[in-house]
Amino acid sequence: MTELIRTEQLSYSYPVRGVVLDSVDMSLHAGERVSLEGSNGAGKTTFLNLLVGLNKPKSGRVFAFGKERKIEADFIEVRSKAGFLFQDPDDQLFCPTVLEDVAFGPLNQGKSFDEAKAISIGVLDCLGMAGFENRVTHQLSGGEKRMVTLASVLAMKPDVLLLDEPSNALDKQARLRLIEVLSTLPQAMIIISHEPSFLDALVTRRTRLQGGKILDV
């Protein structure tokens, strides 16, 4: 299997919390859907941030899409290939309407307005959000915001999905729809979730972040 992401001896600490990642070795291969489980504060979100360069490691190395990534220019390319769904949708939504938010990525990738609009409408429809194009984003419910942020990630057609609590705030119907969509996507994924049944329905390999190490479950 093609290796898409790998970390070697990756470490990170916070001034108050101390060490959250301690010489972590982890890899993601094409076709894998890998869980990243662990208690609150274990460092799961921090790990995803390191993979896309939002945080910088204290030591260790990040390899993504065939190259070692060190400087910001390296991670700009990574962020174009790894779709990152933030834990809090409000950190990801910044346009007035749903369509503008979802189309923002494709437009930045050089798509025409008509192409970006068509992609966005198609992704929203796939996620059960048809008809939401002109809705005001800040007036949506938490679950609706979650699905719109996922649509904005999927519209960019990334090679990898990094999903931080993707089922948060979703009702049962939306959760089942999300499982159905994610299970049919070709992208490799790292999924953070506290819902065992959600992970059971999706992942091909389970890992846990504990004591600063990522361990196979």
N, C-alpha and C. Protein backbone atom coordinates (compact mmCIF):
# COMPACT_ATOMS: atom_id res chain seq x y z
N MET A 1 0.83 -1.20 0.00
CA MET A 1 0.00 0.00 0.00
C MET A 1 0.87 1.25 0.00
N THR A 2 0.42 2.26 -0.71
CA THR A 2 1.15 3.52 -0.77
C THR A 2 1.06 4.25 0.56
N GLU A 3 2.22 4.65 1.06
CA GLU A 3 2.25 5.42 2.31
C GLU A 3 1.97 6.89 2.00
N LEU A 4 0.98 7.47 2.68
CA LEU A 4 0.60 8.85 2.44
C LEU A 4 1.16 9.80 3.49
N ILE A 5 1.13 9.39 4.74
CA ILE A 5 1.63 10.22 5.85
C ILE A 5 2.41 9.33 6.81
N ARG A 6 3.52 9.87 7.32
CA ARG A 6 4.30 9.15 8.34
C ARG A 6 4.92 10.15 9.30
N THR A 7 4.91 9.82 10.56
CA THR A 7 5.67 10.61 11.54
C THR A 7 6.76 9.74 12.15
N GLU A 8 7.88 10.37 12.46
CA GLU A 8 8.99 9.68 13.11
C GLU A 8 9.40 10.47 14.34
N GLN A 9 9.28 9.81 15.49
CA GLN A 9 9.75 10.39 16.76
C GLN A 9 9.18 11.79 17.00
N LEU A 10 7.92 11.97 16.68
CA LEU A 10 7.28 13.28 16.77
C LEU A 10 6.93 13.60 18.22
N SER A 11 7.37 14.76 18.69
CA SER A 11 7.13 15.17 20.07
C SER A 11 6.60 16.59 20.12
N TYR A 12 5.72 16.82 21.13
CA TYR A 12 5.18 18.16 21.32
C TYR A 12 4.79 18.34 22.78
N SER A 13 5.02 19.54 23.28
CA SER A 13 4.63 19.84 24.67
C SER A 13 4.08 21.25 24.75
N TYR A 14 3.22 21.47 25.76
CA TYR A 14 2.68 22.79 26.05
C TYR A 14 3.29 23.30 27.35
N PRO A 15 3.40 24.62 27.47
CA PRO A 15 4.03 25.18 28.69
C PRO A 15 3.38 24.70 29.99
N VAL A 16 2.05 24.63 30.01
CA VAL A 16 1.35 24.25 31.25
C VAL A 16 1.03 22.76 31.27
N ARG A 17 0.50 22.24 30.16
CA ARG A 17 0.09 20.83 30.12
C ARG A 17 1.27 19.89 30.08
N GLY A 18 2.42 20.36 29.63
CA GLY A 18 3.59 19.50 29.52
C GLY A 18 3.55 18.67 28.25
N VAL A 19 4.21 17.53 28.28
CA VAL A 19 4.35 16.69 27.09
C VAL A 19 3.01 16.02 26.76
N VAL A 20 2.56 16.18 25.51
CA VAL A 20 1.35 15.47 25.07
C VAL A 20 1.69 14.43 24.00
N LEU A 21 2.77 14.64 23.27
CA LEU A 21 3.24 13.67 22.29
C LEU A 21 4.70 13.38 22.55
N ASP A 22 5.03 12.11 22.67
CA ASP A 22 6.38 11.71 23.08
C ASP A 22 6.94 10.70 22.09
N SER A 23 7.70 11.19 21.11
CA SER A 23 8.37 10.33 20.12
C SER A 23 7.39 9.41 19.40
N VAL A 24 6.38 10.01 18.79
CA VAL A 24 5.30 9.25 18.16
C VAL A 24 5.71 8.81 16.74
N ASP A 25 5.59 7.52 16.49
CA ASP A 25 5.72 6.96 15.15
C ASP A 25 4.34 6.50 14.70
N MET A 26 3.91 6.98 13.54
CA MET A 26 2.59 6.61 13.04
C MET A 26 2.58 6.74 11.53
N SER A 27 1.78 5.91 10.86
CA SER A 27 1.70 6.00 9.40
C SER A 27 0.27 5.79 8.95
N LEU A 28 -0.03 6.37 7.78
CA LEU A 28 -1.33 6.22 7.15
C LEU A 28 -1.09 5.83 5.70
N HIS A 29 -1.73 4.74 5.28
CA HIS A 29 -1.56 4.24 3.92
C HIS A 29 -2.86 4.41 3.12
N ALA A 30 -2.72 4.39 1.82
CA ALA A 30 -3.87 4.52 0.93
C ALA A 30 -4.92 3.46 1.28
N GLY A 31 -6.16 3.87 1.33
CA GLY A 31 -7.25 2.95 1.60
C GLY A 31 -7.57 2.72 3.05
N GLU A 32 -6.71 3.20 3.95
CA GLU A 32 -6.95 3.00 5.38
C GLU A 32 -7.90 4.06 5.94
N ARG A 33 -8.72 3.65 6.89
CA ARG A 33 -9.49 4.57 7.72
C ARG A 33 -9.12 4.25 9.16
N VAL A 34 -8.31 5.10 9.75
CA VAL A 34 -7.68 4.82 11.03
C VAL A 34 -8.30 5.69 12.11
N SER A 35 -8.72 5.07 13.21
CA SER A 35 -9.21 5.84 14.35
C SER A 35 -8.03 6.37 15.16
N LEU A 36 -8.24 7.53 15.79
CA LEU A 36 -7.30 8.03 16.79
C LEU A 36 -8.13 8.31 18.03
N GLU A 37 -8.07 7.38 18.96
CA GLU A 37 -8.88 7.45 20.17
C GLU A 37 -8.04 7.92 21.35
N GLY A 38 -8.70 8.21 22.46
CA GLY A 38 -7.98 8.66 23.64
C GLY A 38 -8.81 9.64 24.46
N SER A 39 -8.38 9.87 25.67
CA SER A 39 -9.13 10.73 26.58
C SER A 39 -9.00 12.19 26.16
N ASN A 40 -9.86 13.03 26.71
CA ASN A 40 -9.76 14.47 26.48
C ASN A 40 -8.41 14.98 26.95
N GLY A 41 -7.77 15.81 26.12
CA GLY A 41 -6.48 16.36 26.51
C GLY A 41 -5.30 15.46 26.22
N ALA A 42 -5.57 14.32 25.58
CA ALA A 42 -4.47 13.38 25.30
C ALA A 42 -3.53 13.88 24.22
N GLY A 43 -4.01 14.80 23.38
CA GLY A 43 -3.16 15.33 22.32
C GLY A 43 -3.59 14.94 20.92
N LYS A 44 -4.82 14.44 20.78
CA LYS A 44 -5.29 13.96 19.48
C LYS A 44 -5.37 15.09 18.45
N THR A 45 -6.02 16.18 18.83
CA THR A 45 -6.13 17.32 17.92
C THR A 45 -4.75 17.92 17.64
N THR A 46 -3.92 17.97 18.66
CA THR A 46 -2.55 18.47 18.48
C THR A 46 -1.82 17.66 17.41
N PHE A 47 -2.01 16.35 17.43
CA PHE A 47 -1.35 15.49 16.44
C PHE A 47 -1.79 15.85 15.03
N LEU A 48 -3.09 16.03 14.83
CA LEU A 48 -3.57 16.41 13.49
C LEU A 48 -3.02 17.77 13.10
N ASN A 49 -2.97 18.70 14.05
CA ASN A 49 -2.41 20.03 13.76
C ASN A 49 -0.97 19.93 13.29
N LEU A 50 -0.20 19.03 13.88
CA LEU A 50 1.19 18.85 13.49
C LEU A 50 1.30 18.30 12.07
N LEU A 51 0.37 17.42 11.69
CA LEU A 51 0.43 16.82 10.37
C LEU A 51 0.26 17.85 9.26
N VAL A 52 -0.48 18.91 9.53
CA VAL A 52 -0.73 19.93 8.51
C VAL A 52 0.00 21.24 8.79
N GLY A 53 0.88 21.23 9.80
CA GLY A 53 1.73 22.39 10.04
C GLY A 53 1.09 23.53 10.81
N LEU A 54 -0.07 23.30 11.45
CA LEU A 54 -0.67 24.35 12.26
C LEU A 54 0.07 24.51 13.59
N ASN A 55 0.68 23.44 14.06
CA ASN A 55 1.64 23.48 15.16
C ASN A 55 2.97 22.95 14.64
N LYS A 56 4.05 23.35 15.27
CA LYS A 56 5.37 22.87 14.88
C LYS A 56 5.92 21.94 15.97
N PRO A 57 6.44 20.79 15.59
CA PRO A 57 6.91 19.83 16.61
C PRO A 57 8.13 20.34 17.36
N LYS A 58 8.25 19.89 18.60
CA LYS A 58 9.46 20.19 19.37
C LYS A 58 10.64 19.36 18.85
N SER A 59 10.32 18.18 18.36
CA SER A 59 11.33 17.33 17.72
C SER A 59 10.60 16.29 16.88
N GLY A 60 11.34 15.62 16.02
CA GLY A 60 10.76 14.60 15.16
C GLY A 60 10.50 15.11 13.76
N ARG A 61 9.96 14.24 12.93
CA ARG A 61 9.81 14.53 11.51
C ARG A 61 8.42 14.15 11.01
N VAL A 62 7.93 14.92 10.03
CA VAL A 62 6.66 14.65 9.38
C VAL A 62 6.92 14.43 7.89
N PHE A 63 6.46 13.30 7.37
CA PHE A 63 6.52 13.00 5.95
C PHE A 63 5.09 12.94 5.42
N ALA A 64 4.84 13.60 4.30
CA ALA A 64 3.50 13.58 3.72
C ALA A 64 3.60 13.60 2.20
N PHE A 65 2.89 12.69 1.58
CA PHE A 65 2.81 12.61 0.12
C PHE A 65 4.19 12.55 -0.52
N GLY A 66 5.04 11.71 0.08
CA GLY A 66 6.32 11.39 -0.51
C GLY A 66 7.48 12.30 -0.17
N LYS A 67 7.25 13.32 0.68
CA LYS A 67 8.33 14.26 1.01
C LYS A 67 8.31 14.60 2.49
N GLU A 68 9.50 14.89 3.02
CA GLU A 68 9.54 15.42 4.38
C GLU A 68 9.06 16.87 4.37
N ARG A 69 8.27 17.21 5.38
CA ARG A 69 7.70 18.55 5.46
C ARG A 69 8.29 19.27 6.67
N LYS A 70 8.92 20.41 6.40
CA LYS A 70 9.62 21.13 7.46
C LYS A 70 9.15 22.57 7.61
N ILE A 71 9.04 23.28 6.50
CA ILE A 71 8.76 24.72 6.55
C ILE A 71 7.33 25.00 6.09
N GLU A 72 6.87 26.22 6.30
CA GLU A 72 5.49 26.58 6.00
C GLU A 72 5.13 26.29 4.54
N ALA A 73 6.04 26.57 3.61
CA ALA A 73 5.74 26.30 2.20
C ALA A 73 5.44 24.82 1.97
N ASP A 74 6.14 23.95 2.68
CA ASP A 74 5.88 22.51 2.58
C ASP A 74 4.45 22.19 3.02
N PHE A 75 4.04 22.81 4.12
CA PHE A 75 2.74 22.49 4.69
C PHE A 75 1.58 23.13 3.94
N ILE A 76 1.83 24.21 3.21
CA ILE A 76 0.79 24.75 2.35
C ILE A 76 0.36 23.70 1.34
N GLU A 77 1.34 22.99 0.78
CA GLU A 77 1.02 21.91 -0.15
C GLU A 77 0.29 20.77 0.55
N VAL A 78 0.72 20.44 1.77
CA VAL A 78 0.05 19.37 2.52
C VAL A 78 -1.41 19.74 2.76
N ARG A 79 -1.65 20.99 3.15
CA ARG A 79 -3.02 21.40 3.45
C ARG A 79 -3.92 21.41 2.22
N SER A 80 -3.32 21.47 1.03
CA SER A 80 -4.12 21.38 -0.20
C SER A 80 -4.48 19.93 -0.52
N LYS A 81 -3.76 18.99 0.07
CA LYS A 81 -4.00 17.57 -0.21
C LYS A 81 -4.66 16.82 0.94
N ALA A 82 -4.60 17.39 2.14
CA ALA A 82 -5.18 16.76 3.33
C ALA A 82 -6.33 17.64 3.82
N GLY A 83 -7.55 17.17 3.65
CA GLY A 83 -8.71 17.93 4.09
C GLY A 83 -8.91 17.77 5.58
N PHE A 84 -8.87 18.88 6.31
CA PHE A 84 -8.90 18.87 7.77
C PHE A 84 -10.26 19.39 8.23
N LEU A 85 -11.03 18.53 8.87
CA LEU A 85 -12.29 18.93 9.47
C LEU A 85 -12.04 19.28 10.93
N PHE A 86 -12.18 20.56 11.28
CA PHE A 86 -11.91 21.01 12.64
C PHE A 86 -12.98 20.49 13.60
N GLN A 87 -12.59 20.40 14.87
CA GLN A 87 -13.52 19.93 15.89
C GLN A 87 -14.69 20.90 16.07
N ASP A 88 -14.44 22.20 15.99
CA ASP A 88 -15.47 23.21 16.15
C ASP A 88 -15.80 23.82 14.80
N PRO A 89 -17.02 23.59 14.27
CA PRO A 89 -17.36 24.14 12.95
C PRO A 89 -17.20 25.65 12.86
N ASP A 90 -17.41 26.36 13.96
CA ASP A 90 -17.31 27.82 13.93
C ASP A 90 -15.89 28.29 13.63
N ASP A 91 -14.91 27.41 13.81
CA ASP A 91 -13.53 27.77 13.46
C ASP A 91 -13.28 27.65 11.95
N GLN A 92 -14.25 27.06 11.25
CA GLN A 92 -14.04 26.74 9.83
C GLN A 92 -14.98 27.50 8.90
N LEU A 93 -16.07 27.99 9.43
CA LEU A 93 -17.06 28.70 8.62
C LEU A 93 -16.81 30.20 8.71
N PHE A 94 -16.65 30.86 7.56
CA PHE A 94 -16.35 32.30 7.62
C PHE A 94 -17.01 33.09 6.50
N CYS A 95 -17.76 32.43 5.63
CA CYS A 95 -18.47 33.14 4.56
C CYS A 95 -19.94 33.34 4.96
N PRO A 96 -20.61 34.33 4.37
CA PRO A 96 -21.99 34.61 4.76
C PRO A 96 -22.98 33.48 4.48
N THR A 97 -22.83 32.80 3.33
CA THR A 97 -23.79 31.76 2.98
C THR A 97 -23.10 30.41 2.85
N VAL A 98 -23.93 29.37 2.89
CA VAL A 98 -23.44 28.00 2.78
C VAL A 98 -22.71 27.80 1.45
N LEU A 99 -23.32 28.22 0.35
CA LEU A 99 -22.69 28.02 -0.96
C LEU A 99 -21.34 28.71 -1.04
N GLU A 100 -21.24 29.92 -0.53
CA GLU A 100 -19.95 30.63 -0.56
C GLU A 100 -18.89 29.88 0.23
N ASP A 101 -19.28 29.32 1.38
CA ASP A 101 -18.32 28.58 2.19
C ASP A 101 -17.83 27.34 1.48
N VAL A 102 -18.75 26.56 0.91
CA VAL A 102 -18.38 25.30 0.28
C VAL A 102 -17.59 25.55 -1.01
N ALA A 103 -17.94 26.63 -1.72
CA ALA A 103 -17.27 26.92 -3.00
C ALA A 103 -15.91 27.58 -2.82
N PHE A 104 -15.62 28.05 -1.61
CA PHE A 104 -14.38 28.81 -1.38
C PHE A 104 -13.14 27.99 -1.77
N GLY A 105 -13.10 26.72 -1.35
CA GLY A 105 -11.95 25.88 -1.66
C GLY A 105 -11.76 25.64 -3.15
N PRO A 106 -12.80 25.15 -3.84
CA PRO A 106 -12.65 24.95 -5.28
C PRO A 106 -12.26 26.22 -6.04
N LEU A 107 -12.80 27.37 -5.64
CA LEU A 107 -12.42 28.63 -6.30
C LEU A 107 -10.93 28.90 -6.10
N ASN A 108 -10.43 28.64 -4.90
CA ASN A 108 -9.00 28.84 -4.64
C ASN A 108 -8.13 27.83 -5.36
N GLN A 109 -8.72 26.72 -5.77
CA GLN A 109 -7.98 25.72 -6.55
C GLN A 109 -7.99 26.06 -8.04
N GLY A 110 -8.61 27.18 -8.40
CA GLY A 110 -8.61 27.62 -9.79
C GLY A 110 -9.83 27.26 -10.60
N LYS A 111 -10.85 26.70 -9.92
CA LYS A 111 -12.08 26.38 -10.64
C LYS A 111 -12.82 27.68 -10.98
N SER A 112 -13.57 27.65 -12.07
CA SER A 112 -14.42 28.78 -12.42
C SER A 112 -15.59 28.84 -11.43
N PHE A 113 -16.31 29.97 -11.44
CA PHE A 113 -17.45 30.09 -10.52
C PHE A 113 -18.48 29.01 -10.81
N ASP A 114 -18.76 28.77 -12.08
CA ASP A 114 -19.76 27.76 -12.43
C ASP A 114 -19.32 26.36 -12.01
N GLU A 115 -18.03 26.06 -12.20
CA GLU A 115 -17.51 24.75 -11.78
C GLU A 115 -17.59 24.59 -10.27
N ALA A 116 -17.16 25.64 -9.54
CA ALA A 116 -17.18 25.58 -8.07
C ALA A 116 -18.60 25.45 -7.55
N LYS A 117 -19.53 26.15 -8.19
CA LYS A 117 -20.94 26.07 -7.78
C LYS A 117 -21.48 24.67 -8.00
N ALA A 118 -21.18 24.08 -9.15
CA ALA A 118 -21.67 22.74 -9.46
C ALA A 118 -21.09 21.70 -8.49
N ILE A 119 -19.80 21.81 -8.20
CA ILE A 119 -19.16 20.91 -7.24
C ILE A 119 -19.83 21.04 -5.87
N SER A 120 -20.03 22.27 -5.45
CA SER A 120 -20.60 22.54 -4.11
C SER A 120 -22.01 22.00 -3.98
N ILE A 121 -22.83 22.24 -4.99
CA ILE A 121 -24.21 21.75 -4.95
C ILE A 121 -24.23 20.23 -4.92
N GLY A 122 -23.34 19.60 -5.69
CA GLY A 122 -23.26 18.14 -5.71
C GLY A 122 -22.87 17.56 -4.37
N VAL A 123 -21.88 18.17 -3.72
CA VAL A 123 -21.42 17.68 -2.42
C VAL A 123 -22.50 17.88 -1.36
N LEU A 124 -23.12 19.04 -1.36
CA LEU A 124 -24.20 19.29 -0.39
C LEU A 124 -25.34 18.28 -0.57
N ASP A 125 -25.68 17.99 -1.80
CA ASP A 125 -26.74 17.01 -2.08
C ASP A 125 -26.35 15.64 -1.55
N CYS A 126 -25.10 15.25 -1.77
CA CYS A 126 -24.59 13.96 -1.30
C CYS A 126 -24.71 13.83 0.22
N LEU A 127 -24.54 14.95 0.92
CA LEU A 127 -24.58 14.95 2.39
C LEU A 127 -25.98 15.20 2.94
N GLY A 128 -26.98 15.23 2.07
CA GLY A 128 -28.33 15.47 2.53
C GLY A 128 -28.62 16.92 2.84
N MET A 129 -27.85 17.84 2.24
CA MET A 129 -27.99 19.26 2.52
C MET A 129 -28.47 20.04 1.30
N ALA A 130 -29.13 19.38 0.37
CA ALA A 130 -29.66 20.07 -0.80
C ALA A 130 -30.65 21.14 -0.36
N GLY A 131 -30.58 22.30 -0.99
CA GLY A 131 -31.46 23.40 -0.64
C GLY A 131 -30.91 24.34 0.41
N PHE A 132 -29.71 24.03 0.92
CA PHE A 132 -29.10 24.87 1.95
C PHE A 132 -28.18 25.94 1.36
N GLU A 133 -28.06 25.99 0.03
CA GLU A 133 -27.05 26.84 -0.60
C GLU A 133 -27.11 28.29 -0.14
N ASN A 134 -28.30 28.84 0.01
CA ASN A 134 -28.43 30.26 0.34
C ASN A 134 -28.70 30.52 1.81
N ARG A 135 -28.61 29.48 2.62
CA ARG A 135 -28.80 29.66 4.07
C ARG A 135 -27.62 30.43 4.66
N VAL A 136 -27.90 31.21 5.68
CA VAL A 136 -26.87 31.98 6.37
C VAL A 136 -26.14 31.05 7.34
N THR A 137 -24.83 30.94 7.21
CA THR A 137 -24.09 29.91 7.96
C THR A 137 -24.21 30.08 9.47
N HIS A 138 -24.13 31.31 9.97
CA HIS A 138 -24.12 31.48 11.43
C HIS A 138 -25.49 31.23 12.06
N GLN A 139 -26.52 31.06 11.22
CA GLN A 139 -27.86 30.77 11.74
C GLN A 139 -28.18 29.27 11.71
N LEU A 140 -27.25 28.46 11.27
CA LEU A 140 -27.48 27.02 11.20
C LEU A 140 -27.35 26.38 12.59
N SER A 141 -27.96 25.21 12.75
CA SER A 141 -27.78 24.45 13.99
C SER A 141 -26.37 23.86 14.02
N GLY A 142 -25.98 23.35 15.17
CA GLY A 142 -24.65 22.75 15.29
C GLY A 142 -24.44 21.60 14.33
N GLY A 143 -25.44 20.74 14.18
CA GLY A 143 -25.32 19.62 13.27
C GLY A 143 -25.25 20.04 11.82
N GLU A 144 -26.05 21.07 11.48
CA GLU A 144 -26.01 21.59 10.11
C GLU A 144 -24.66 22.20 9.80
N LYS A 145 -24.11 22.94 10.76
CA LYS A 145 -22.77 23.52 10.56
C LYS A 145 -21.74 22.41 10.35
N ARG A 146 -21.87 21.33 11.11
CA ARG A 146 -20.94 20.21 10.98
C ARG A 146 -20.95 19.66 9.56
N MET A 147 -22.13 19.47 8.99
CA MET A 147 -22.24 18.92 7.65
C MET A 147 -21.75 19.90 6.59
N VAL A 148 -21.97 21.19 6.81
CA VAL A 148 -21.48 22.19 5.86
C VAL A 148 -19.95 22.24 5.87
N THR A 149 -19.35 22.16 7.05
CA THR A 149 -17.88 22.16 7.09
C THR A 149 -17.33 20.92 6.40
N LEU A 150 -17.99 19.79 6.57
CA LEU A 150 -17.54 18.59 5.87
C LEU A 150 -17.68 18.77 4.36
N ALA A 151 -18.78 19.38 3.93
CA ALA A 151 -18.96 19.65 2.51
C ALA A 151 -17.83 20.54 1.98
N SER A 152 -17.44 21.53 2.75
CA SER A 152 -16.37 22.44 2.30
C SER A 152 -15.04 21.71 2.16
N VAL A 153 -14.83 20.69 2.99
CA VAL A 153 -13.61 19.88 2.89
C VAL A 153 -13.69 18.96 1.68
N LEU A 154 -14.81 18.27 1.52
CA LEU A 154 -14.95 17.30 0.43
C LEU A 154 -14.96 17.98 -0.94
N ALA A 155 -15.44 19.21 -1.00
CA ALA A 155 -15.49 19.92 -2.29
C ALA A 155 -14.11 20.14 -2.87
N MET A 156 -13.07 20.12 -2.03
CA MET A 156 -11.71 20.32 -2.51
C MET A 156 -11.07 19.03 -3.02
N LYS A 157 -11.80 17.92 -2.87
CA LYS A 157 -11.34 16.60 -3.35
C LYS A 157 -9.91 16.28 -2.88
N PRO A 158 -9.71 16.30 -1.56
CA PRO A 158 -8.37 16.02 -1.02
C PRO A 158 -8.00 14.55 -1.17
N ASP A 159 -6.72 14.26 -0.99
CA ASP A 159 -6.23 12.87 -1.04
C ASP A 159 -6.42 12.16 0.29
N VAL A 160 -6.45 12.92 1.37
CA VAL A 160 -6.55 12.38 2.73
C VAL A 160 -7.57 13.22 3.50
N LEU A 161 -8.31 12.58 4.39
CA LEU A 161 -9.23 13.30 5.27
C LEU A 161 -8.78 13.14 6.72
N LEU A 162 -8.65 14.27 7.41
CA LEU A 162 -8.33 14.30 8.83
C LEU A 162 -9.57 14.85 9.53
N LEU A 163 -10.28 13.98 10.24
CA LEU A 163 -11.61 14.31 10.74
C LEU A 163 -11.61 14.33 12.27
N ASP A 164 -11.82 15.52 12.83
CA ASP A 164 -11.79 15.71 14.28
C ASP A 164 -13.23 15.77 14.79
N GLU A 165 -13.68 14.67 15.39
CA GLU A 165 -15.04 14.55 15.92
C GLU A 165 -16.10 14.87 14.86
N PRO A 166 -16.10 14.15 13.74
CA PRO A 166 -17.02 14.49 12.65
C PRO A 166 -18.48 14.28 12.98
N SER A 167 -18.81 13.41 13.94
CA SER A 167 -20.22 13.15 14.24
C SER A 167 -20.77 14.02 15.36
N ASN A 168 -19.97 14.95 15.87
CA ASN A 168 -20.43 15.85 16.92
C ASN A 168 -21.69 16.61 16.50
N ALA A 169 -22.66 16.66 17.39
CA ALA A 169 -23.88 17.47 17.23
C ALA A 169 -24.82 16.94 16.15
N LEU A 170 -24.56 15.76 15.60
CA LEU A 170 -25.44 15.22 14.56
C LEU A 170 -26.56 14.39 15.19
N ASP A 171 -27.76 14.52 14.64
CA ASP A 171 -28.84 13.64 15.08
C ASP A 171 -28.64 12.26 14.43
N LYS A 172 -29.50 11.32 14.79
CA LYS A 172 -29.32 9.94 14.34
C LYS A 172 -29.32 9.83 12.82
N GLN A 173 -30.26 10.52 12.17
CA GLN A 173 -30.37 10.43 10.71
C GLN A 173 -29.14 10.99 10.03
N ALA A 174 -28.67 12.16 10.49
CA ALA A 174 -27.48 12.78 9.90
C ALA A 174 -26.24 11.93 10.15
N ARG A 175 -26.18 11.33 11.32
CA ARG A 175 -25.04 10.47 11.67
C ARG A 175 -24.97 9.26 10.73
N LEU A 176 -26.13 8.64 10.49
CA LEU A 176 -26.17 7.49 9.57
C LEU A 176 -25.80 7.92 8.16
N ARG A 177 -26.26 9.09 7.75
CA ARG A 177 -25.91 9.61 6.42
C ARG A 177 -24.40 9.83 6.32
N LEU A 178 -23.82 10.37 7.39
CA LEU A 178 -22.37 10.62 7.40
C LEU A 178 -21.60 9.30 7.28
N ILE A 179 -22.00 8.30 8.03
CA ILE A 179 -21.34 6.99 7.95
C ILE A 179 -21.44 6.44 6.53
N GLU A 180 -22.63 6.57 5.94
CA GLU A 180 -22.84 6.07 4.58
C GLU A 180 -21.91 6.77 3.59
N VAL A 181 -21.79 8.09 3.70
CA VAL A 181 -20.95 8.86 2.78
C VAL A 181 -19.48 8.52 2.98
N LEU A 182 -19.02 8.57 4.23
CA LEU A 182 -17.60 8.33 4.50
C LEU A 182 -17.17 6.92 4.10
N SER A 183 -18.06 5.96 4.28
CA SER A 183 -17.69 4.57 3.98
C SER A 183 -17.51 4.32 2.49
N THR A 184 -18.06 5.22 1.66
CA THR A 184 -17.93 5.03 0.21
C THR A 184 -16.83 5.89 -0.41
N LEU A 185 -16.22 6.77 0.38
CA LEU A 185 -15.19 7.65 -0.17
C LEU A 185 -13.87 6.90 -0.34
N PRO A 186 -13.08 7.26 -1.36
CA PRO A 186 -11.82 6.57 -1.61
C PRO A 186 -10.67 7.05 -0.73
N GLN A 187 -10.82 8.21 -0.11
CA GLN A 187 -9.70 8.81 0.62
C GLN A 187 -9.33 8.01 1.87
N ALA A 188 -8.03 7.97 2.15
CA ALA A 188 -7.57 7.49 3.45
C ALA A 188 -7.98 8.52 4.50
N MET A 189 -8.21 8.05 5.73
CA MET A 189 -8.71 8.94 6.78
C MET A 189 -8.04 8.65 8.12
N ILE A 190 -7.88 9.70 8.90
CA ILE A 190 -7.64 9.58 10.34
C ILE A 190 -8.85 10.21 11.01
N ILE A 191 -9.52 9.44 11.87
CA ILE A 191 -10.77 9.89 12.46
C ILE A 191 -10.64 9.92 13.98
N ILE A 192 -10.81 11.11 14.56
CA ILE A 192 -10.91 11.26 16.01
C ILE A 192 -12.38 11.20 16.38
N SER A 193 -12.73 10.33 17.31
CA SER A 193 -14.12 10.24 17.76
C SER A 193 -14.17 9.56 19.12
N HIS A 194 -15.13 10.00 19.94
CA HIS A 194 -15.39 9.34 21.21
C HIS A 194 -16.58 8.37 21.11
N GLU A 195 -17.06 8.14 19.89
CA GLU A 195 -18.21 7.25 19.68
C GLU A 195 -17.74 5.91 19.14
N PRO A 196 -17.65 4.88 19.98
CA PRO A 196 -17.19 3.57 19.51
C PRO A 196 -18.02 3.01 18.37
N SER A 197 -19.34 3.19 18.42
CA SER A 197 -20.19 2.62 17.36
C SER A 197 -19.95 3.31 16.02
N PHE A 198 -19.67 4.61 16.07
CA PHE A 198 -19.36 5.35 14.84
C PHE A 198 -18.06 4.81 14.23
N LEU A 199 -17.06 4.61 15.07
CA LEU A 199 -15.78 4.08 14.59
C LEU A 199 -15.93 2.64 14.10
N ASP A 200 -16.71 1.84 14.82
CA ASP A 200 -16.93 0.45 14.42
C ASP A 200 -17.47 0.36 13.00
N ALA A 201 -18.29 1.33 12.63
CA ALA A 201 -18.94 1.30 11.31
C ALA A 201 -18.01 1.73 10.19
N LEU A 202 -16.86 2.33 10.53
CA LEU A 202 -16.04 2.96 9.51
C LEU A 202 -14.61 2.47 9.41
N VAL A 203 -13.93 2.32 10.53
CA VAL A 203 -12.47 2.24 10.47
C VAL A 203 -11.97 0.85 10.10
N THR A 204 -10.79 0.85 9.50
CA THR A 204 -10.11 -0.40 9.16
C THR A 204 -9.00 -0.72 10.15
N ARG A 205 -8.61 0.28 10.93
CA ARG A 205 -7.56 0.08 11.95
C ARG A 205 -7.78 1.06 13.09
N ARG A 206 -7.62 0.58 14.31
CA ARG A 206 -7.86 1.44 15.48
C ARG A 206 -6.55 1.71 16.22
N THR A 207 -6.37 2.97 16.58
CA THR A 207 -5.21 3.34 17.39
C THR A 207 -5.70 4.19 18.56
N ARG A 208 -4.84 4.30 19.57
CA ARG A 208 -5.18 5.08 20.76
C ARG A 208 -3.97 5.89 21.19
N LEU A 209 -4.21 7.15 21.51
CA LEU A 209 -3.16 8.03 22.03
C LEU A 209 -3.22 8.00 23.54
N GLN A 210 -2.17 7.49 24.13
CA GLN A 210 -2.14 7.30 25.58
C GLN A 210 -0.71 7.47 26.08
N GLY A 211 -0.55 8.30 27.10
CA GLY A 211 0.78 8.53 27.66
C GLY A 211 1.76 9.10 26.65
N GLY A 212 1.24 9.87 25.70
CA GLY A 212 2.11 10.50 24.70
C GLY A 212 2.48 9.61 23.54
N LYS A 213 1.99 8.36 23.53
CA LYS A 213 2.31 7.42 22.45
C LYS A 213 1.03 7.01 21.70
N ILE A 214 1.16 6.72 20.42
CA ILE A 214 0.05 6.17 19.66
C ILE A 214 0.23 4.67 19.58
N LEU A 215 -0.76 3.94 20.10
CA LEU A 215 -0.69 2.49 20.19
C LEU A 215 -1.81 1.87 19.38
N ASP A 216 -1.53 0.74 18.74
CA ASP A 216 -2.60 -0.01 18.08
C ASP A 216 -3.53 -0.61 19.12
N VAL A 217 -4.84 -0.54 18.84
CA VAL A 217 -5.84 -1.07 19.76
C VAL A 217 -6.13 -2.52 19.39
